[in-house]
Amino acid sequence: MWRLNTVRHKAGRPGSSLEELKLKRREQEKVLRQARRDRQLVSKRLLLSDDEEQPHNPMDTSSADQVVDLFRKVQRSGPEREAHLTALSKALRNPSAQLTFVKQENSMHLLVGLLSGSNAQCRLQAVRCLHELSHSHHPSMAPACLPATPYLLTYLSGQSTKFTELCLYTLGNLCPDSDVVREKLLAQGIIPALANCIENQKHNLAVVEAVGFTLSQLLQTKDAAEKIIPMVLASGLPPHLLSVLTPDPQFGLAPAIECAWCLHYLTCSNVDNRVLLAHGALSQCSTLLVSLGGAVAKGNKEEGMELLVWPLLRCMGNLLSSGPMEDLSSQVGDVRLLAALCALLQAFLQTQPALARESAWVLNNLTALLALNLVPGLIQLLPFSQGINTMILRVLGNIAHKKKDYCVQLAQAGLLPALCATLKMADQEMVTLSLEVLFLLVASGPQVAEEFARHSGLSLLEAIQYNSEGEMRLRATHLLEHQLLSHRMVKTFVGFVPIQNSKMTDNHLSSCLTGGQRPVSVNLQKERHQIQICGVCHQSKRMQDYLFTF
């Protein structure tokens, strides 16, 4: 029968069956990849006890009878109840034991009763049992824990650090598993509770880290943009998240990483980012990236630093594409940011190439928002090597490509003598880029061409006409014959091509010979990675993708 079906399939659609099968397989693989990423997105945390150095592997001998026996012992009050609860919490790390426990009649009622009781140690061990249950990936576990969530939220205002941490991580584990549980938590006020918790415990970084984890679990859900993010923006959480971005040298990077990812999930949504901008999110991210870029340039790469750099780059790039130039340029008033981005790009080029591309993407988005008063500082970076000068020249080229008036202002800021210096460099790529930027400048008007000639630029181009590289000779000849000598505009020249679509590579400009046409607005979506090209500014916005899971 299988052979008959196959033959009939081939006969019915000659020449197309193979392509259809390939297409069907691609769709199936896409669904599988999406499912794997969704599972990675639901990252759960297991908070260890003080006497544990690593997660305990429960023995297979933890049978259902043993769990039932411990449950019955815990039901009886007495001095040994706390010890039985401790044993039960360790047994509940076994997935089969978890299912056995929740199937017992009144099992969750027992934990809720202990959780609301007066015995502090029993409360702590009851939360520990709930925490072990929340770590389960079984779909029935999160709904089973729902009766305890009001008490977990109430205890977020408590004074015990360990107890508050357990409550937060338990809530964070429960959030993404079930729409019903998430809706219930939102109705019970989890967002205001998190806001109050981080405000009251802002000096306790362990609790702040736990708040960041729980909030990030909420922000990653599919309905976050419609239901959760507006509540978060109105809750007062953003300024607290921003205040944690600067890492504590003694505690480490973890709280800053968690809060940075929360900010990333906020900025990559379609919700208006004016609230974040009003709280100085762009300025804060810029300052921290400058600090991290400076550390990386000196060779100081702390373990896990890339987990902080990544969401900061995403925040920066998304915020740059979310508002008018005049509103944002004041928050990016430090030219050192460009050097920091170049340093990050170079530092992670070999070990984390995707992170290097993120740095280049932010540079591209930054280009459209740079105020012209930063140009003198940029020009001073052109003598630097190791890819910084080429990156800066591309940034200046993108500024020149935006507007003819900008070309005149770039010339007045001193770019022409700087180009005369770069045209003398031995780096062929740098010379080619200089010729492309020079074309944009001299094509903007005769006064720029005359000024370039006054800087003895004509003799430099004449020398390049004898270069062994054919493309450089062609560009120099065209500039001399059609721009500088006649001051006439010729449209047939292959002009400067601005960096597009978040893919800035070292040989981008010299390899793209498309006539410098501007792209139309386009929206590309591939699985959960979405890029939005924003008109003529060539800005793009990064959406959620799961490059790191915790």
Foldseek 3Di string as FASTA:
>chain_A
DVVVVVVVVCVVDPPCPVVVVVVVVVVVVQVVVLVVQVVLLLFADQDDDPPDPDQDDDDPPLDLVVLVVLLVVCVDDDPCNLVSLQVNLSSLLDVVSLVSQLPDPCSLVSLLPQCPDDDPSSVQSSLSSLLSLLQDLDLVSLVSNLVNLLSLLVCLPPDDPSSNLSSLSSLLSSQQRDPVSVVVCVVSPNLLSLLVSCVVCVVPLSNLLSSLSSLLSQLPHPCCLPPPLVSNLVNPVLLSLLVPLPDDPVPDRRSNLSSLSSLLSNLQHPDACVSNVVSLVLLSLLVVLLVVLVCLLVVNDDPPVLSNLVSSLQNNQSVLPRDDLVSCQVSNVDPSSLVSLLSQLLSCCPPPVVSNLSSLQSLLSVLLNHDLVCLLVLLVQLVDDPCSNLSSLLSLLLQLLPDLVSLVSSVVSPVLLSLLVQLPDPPPLSVVSSLQSLVSNLLSFVVSLVVSVVSVNLVSLVVQCPPPDPVSVVSSVCCVPAGNPPNHDDQVDQHFAHDADSGDDSCVRVVDRPSRDADAWDWDDDSQWIWTQDGRSRRIHTGDDPPDRD
